[in-house]
Each structure stands twice: as structure tokens, then as C-alpha cells.
Amino acid sequence: MALKENPFRQWMDENKLSASELAGPLGVSVQTIHNWRSAGVPPRRQPYVRDTMARWHVIASRPMNSILVTAGEKQFEQWSEAALVCGKTLVRWATDGLDELAMRRSAQTTSKAISKQVKVPARPVPRHGSEPS
């Protein structure tokens, strides 16, 4: 019995891609990539996977420390307008926003770590008839 045609597997083979190379860009686990190679990509994920496959040459050529964000026309206009109001380019506006979120997260994590480390001893409760020290 011949194997059912699997465009995803064929594309991976043609581009000599491993599951670990694709897991990150597709936002799934390595095991999921193996599953898709053998059983095919689930219908609900196919549009996103097809889009990624079509743009792979762009994704693969980007340095590892870059982010590719795809937005709809309306969302892109909203972001552009927000950046313009702030007097920033869209890239600077997005970068500043990500930096601010990272600092908030870091502050929250640091605050939680400190509160776990600092243990304030409880004051003894004076008993009836005794003098507080």
C-alpha cells in the first residue's frame, strides 16, 4: 500500500529540515512536527503551516534574534497610528512596548523572589496578664 501524499513531509524533505528546526517557528513541540510528518497537518492548522511554508525562505534567512510579526491590515493601521501618536516609528514603538513588558515581568519575578526569601518573624502575642517585651 502506498503512503498517502503528505505535502508537509515532502516540503521538509525537499528543504532538508528537521523537526527541531521547525518546532520554534511553527510554535509547536518537536513531537508535534513528527506527528505531522507521519499523519499530516490537522485541517485547522493547515492555513498557518502553508503560510509558513510559503514564507520559509524569508524566515530561514532572518537572524535568530529577530521576530517576524504578521498583522492584518486593520491591526497594522492601529499599531502605526499608535506609534505615530507617540512620535515613534512602528519598529521603535513595538520594541519599546516589548522592553516595558519585559521590565514589568522582571520586576514582578524579582518582587516574588524577594517576598519568598524575606521571612518576618512573628511577634509573640502577649498572654493575658503578662507584660509585652
Protein backbone atom coordinates (compact mmCIF):
# COMPACT_ATOMS: atom_id res chain seq x y z
CA MET A 1 0.00 0.00 0.00
CA ALA A 2 1.47 3.38 -1.00
CA LEU A 3 1.85 6.12 1.57
CA LYS A 4 -0.76 8.86 1.45
CA GLU A 5 0.63 12.05 -0.06
CA ASN A 6 1.82 14.41 2.67
CA PRO A 7 2.89 17.83 1.33
CA PHE A 8 4.34 18.79 4.71
CA ARG A 9 6.65 15.76 4.79
CA GLN A 10 7.63 16.35 1.15
CA TRP A 11 8.40 20.00 1.88
CA MET A 12 10.50 19.07 4.92
CA ASP A 13 12.43 16.50 2.86
CA GLU A 14 12.97 18.87 -0.08
CA ASN A 15 14.30 21.58 2.24
CA LYS A 16 16.26 19.14 4.43
CA LEU A 17 14.54 20.43 7.56
CA SER A 18 14.49 18.69 10.92
CA ALA A 19 11.63 18.69 13.39
CA SER A 20 13.68 20.76 15.83
CA GLU A 21 14.25 23.46 13.19
CA LEU A 22 10.51 23.80 12.55
CA ALA A 23 9.09 23.48 16.05
CA GLY A 24 10.00 27.03 17.12
CA PRO A 25 8.85 28.91 14.03
CA LEU A 26 5.58 26.94 13.99
CA GLY A 27 5.06 27.33 17.73
CA VAL A 28 4.66 23.62 18.42
CA SER A 29 6.69 20.84 20.01
CA VAL A 30 9.19 18.67 18.17
CA GLN A 31 6.86 15.72 18.78
CA THR A 32 4.03 17.59 17.02
CA ILE A 33 6.26 18.06 13.97
CA HIS A 34 6.97 14.31 13.96
CA ASN A 35 3.22 13.64 14.20
CA TRP A 36 2.50 15.98 11.30
CA ARG A 37 5.24 14.32 9.23
CA SER A 38 3.62 10.93 9.65
CA ALA A 39 -0.11 11.75 9.79
CA GLY A 40 -0.32 15.13 8.07
CA VAL A 41 -1.11 18.58 9.41
CA PRO A 42 -4.55 18.89 11.06
CA PRO A 43 -7.04 20.91 8.96
CA ARG A 44 -7.31 23.77 11.44
CA ARG A 45 -3.51 24.30 11.40
CA GLN A 46 -3.08 23.93 7.63
CA PRO A 47 -3.54 27.63 6.68
CA TYR A 48 -0.86 28.75 9.14
CA VAL A 49 1.52 25.93 8.19
CA ARG A 50 1.01 26.60 4.45
CA ASP A 51 1.74 30.29 5.04
CA THR A 52 4.90 29.43 6.97
CA MET A 53 5.98 27.02 4.23
CA ALA A 54 5.46 29.73 1.60
CA ARG A 55 7.50 32.26 3.60
CA TRP A 56 10.17 29.83 4.76
CA HIS A 57 12.95 31.38 2.66
CA VAL A 58 12.30 34.71 4.45
CA ILE A 59 12.03 33.12 7.90
CA ALA A 60 15.15 30.99 7.44
CA SER A 61 17.23 33.95 6.25
CA ARG A 62 16.47 36.03 9.34
CA PRO A 63 18.94 36.10 12.20
CA MET A 64 17.91 34.11 15.28
CA ASN A 65 17.49 37.30 17.32
CA SER A 66 14.74 38.71 15.11
CA ILE A 67 10.96 38.49 15.28
CA LEU A 68 8.63 38.31 12.31
CA VAL A 69 5.16 39.63 13.13
CA THR A 70 2.31 39.33 10.66
CA ALA A 71 -0.71 41.56 11.20
CA GLY A 72 -3.94 42.14 9.37
CA GLU A 73 -4.45 45.46 7.60
CA LYS A 74 -6.66 46.90 10.36
CA GLN A 75 -4.30 45.79 13.15
CA PHE A 76 -1.30 47.19 11.28
CA GLU A 77 -3.08 50.54 10.85
CA GLN A 78 -3.91 50.63 14.58
CA TRP A 79 -0.30 49.93 15.51
CA SER A 80 1.00 52.51 13.03
CA GLU A 81 -1.39 55.15 14.37
CA ALA A 82 -0.39 54.40 17.97
CA ALA A 83 3.29 54.71 17.04
CA LEU A 84 2.66 57.98 15.20
CA VAL A 85 0.83 59.44 18.21
CA CYS A 86 3.90 58.60 20.32
CA GLY A 87 6.20 60.17 17.73
CA LYS A 88 7.93 56.85 17.06
CA THR A 89 8.46 54.54 14.15
CA LEU A 90 6.41 51.37 14.29
CA VAL A 91 9.53 49.30 14.96
CA ARG A 92 10.67 51.61 17.82
CA TRP A 93 7.13 51.65 19.28
CA ALA A 94 6.93 47.84 19.25
CA THR A 95 10.44 47.46 20.67
CA ASP A 96 9.73 49.94 23.48
CA GLY A 97 6.49 48.10 24.29
CA LEU A 98 8.26 44.74 24.46
CA ASP A 99 11.02 46.23 26.62
CA GLU A 100 8.45 47.68 29.03
CA LEU A 101 6.63 44.35 29.31
CA ALA A 102 9.91 42.55 29.96
CA MET A 103 10.84 45.03 32.70
CA ARG A 104 7.42 44.64 34.35
CA ARG A 105 7.73 40.87 34.25
CA SER A 106 11.25 41.04 35.64
CA ALA A 107 10.10 43.35 38.45
CA GLN A 108 7.22 41.00 39.31
CA THR A 109 9.52 37.99 39.34
CA THR A 110 12.09 39.81 41.48
CA SER A 111 9.40 41.01 43.88
CA LYS A 112 8.02 37.48 44.28
CA ALA A 113 11.50 36.06 44.83
CA ILE A 114 12.28 38.66 47.49
CA SER A 115 8.98 38.11 49.30
CA LYS A 116 9.72 34.38 49.41
CA GLN A 117 13.22 34.98 50.81
CA VAL A 118 12.31 37.57 53.44
CA LYS A 119 10.54 35.98 56.35
CA VAL A 120 9.50 38.42 59.02
CA PRO A 121 9.40 36.70 62.38
CA ALA A 122 6.02 36.87 64.02
CA ARG A 123 5.84 38.82 67.26
CA PRO A 124 4.76 36.77 70.19
CA VAL A 125 1.24 37.57 71.26
CA PRO A 126 1.23 38.58 74.92
CA ARG A 127 -0.81 36.31 77.13
CA HIS A 128 -3.39 37.71 79.40
CA GLY A 129 -1.69 39.13 82.42
CA SER A 130 1.84 39.16 81.02
CA GLU A 131 3.87 42.20 80.06
CA PRO A 132 4.87 42.67 76.41
CA SER A 133 8.63 42.66 75.91
